[in-house]
């Protein structure tokens, strides 16, 4: 894990202004191991997020409890960093700026905040960037392996319709990504064949495509539609790529539910996720209640951070019966 953390940091450093890069390179391994985000805010302290807590960094790469002791991000720092992430051409990344984020090699994301430029009442782009948030993307190959006997229908050689449920930052996207990877490669030890998977990546987090290429290993049999609303994307992929499995992240809107019904009725297996911490919270999601009551999902995987992100609390079937215990 330490090598993975160091590699992830090395992948984002070339896109950060040199003065801040030098501070980050001084961080001790204890910080690097838990690094989730690096935040640059104009005229405010350089900050990092570790285990869901934010800390300021001083010039020596150590955490500082005081604002006065922290490194202050300058206008020059921000401007140089924006130039680096946009490769010197803001026009080429206008769509990414309109979306409020862009993807770096390795699947890491940079969130942006600044002055909104409107055109016809709609957001056209962002200017005068005042905040940048580098979010570290860590794939965890093998994280979904404990789930395989429970979410795969070995007799039909298809995955069950599966909903991964977790609170924010508890590993649901990472778990879904690894499940897709297993299915795309095939699982010889379970005599499970490789299947084609269509991915609708509305927020560019699941595949994290950059110039059309997924930045995570999703296997050889995936087709990705990114920056596309989930409802439209699922139907589009169904018609254009004829997937055997559809995967998408964070469902919740009425249109998502309609599209999932169409997938189910055409024989496509659905793998998706939702934010919730319990059955009670899940059933309070108004549009999802229809799918739950209709027993569309055959498996519910609940995750938490109890032992770190990706802790499997249990797998339940469509009757809400536990099929495996927590890890």
Foldseek 3Di string as FASTA:
>chain_A
DLVLLVVLLVQCLQLFDPQVSQLQVLADSVCSVQWFKWKAFEQFFTWTAGPNDIFGGASRNDTDPDRVRGDTHHPVRVVSSVCSVVVNDCPVCQVCQQVQWAAGQLLKIKGWDADFDDDPNGTRGHPPTGMIMTGGDGADAPLQVVCVVPQAPLVVLGGFQEEEEEAPPQCPLNNLQNVLQCQQCDDVVSPRDRWAEEEEALPCRNQVDDPLHRSDRRHDRYDYDYVDPQLVRLVVCCVPPVGQEYEYEADQDLSNLVSLVVCVVVNHHYYYYHYDQDPVRQCPRVNCVVCLVVQRGQKYWYTYCPVHRSFTQFIAGSVRHTPDHTD
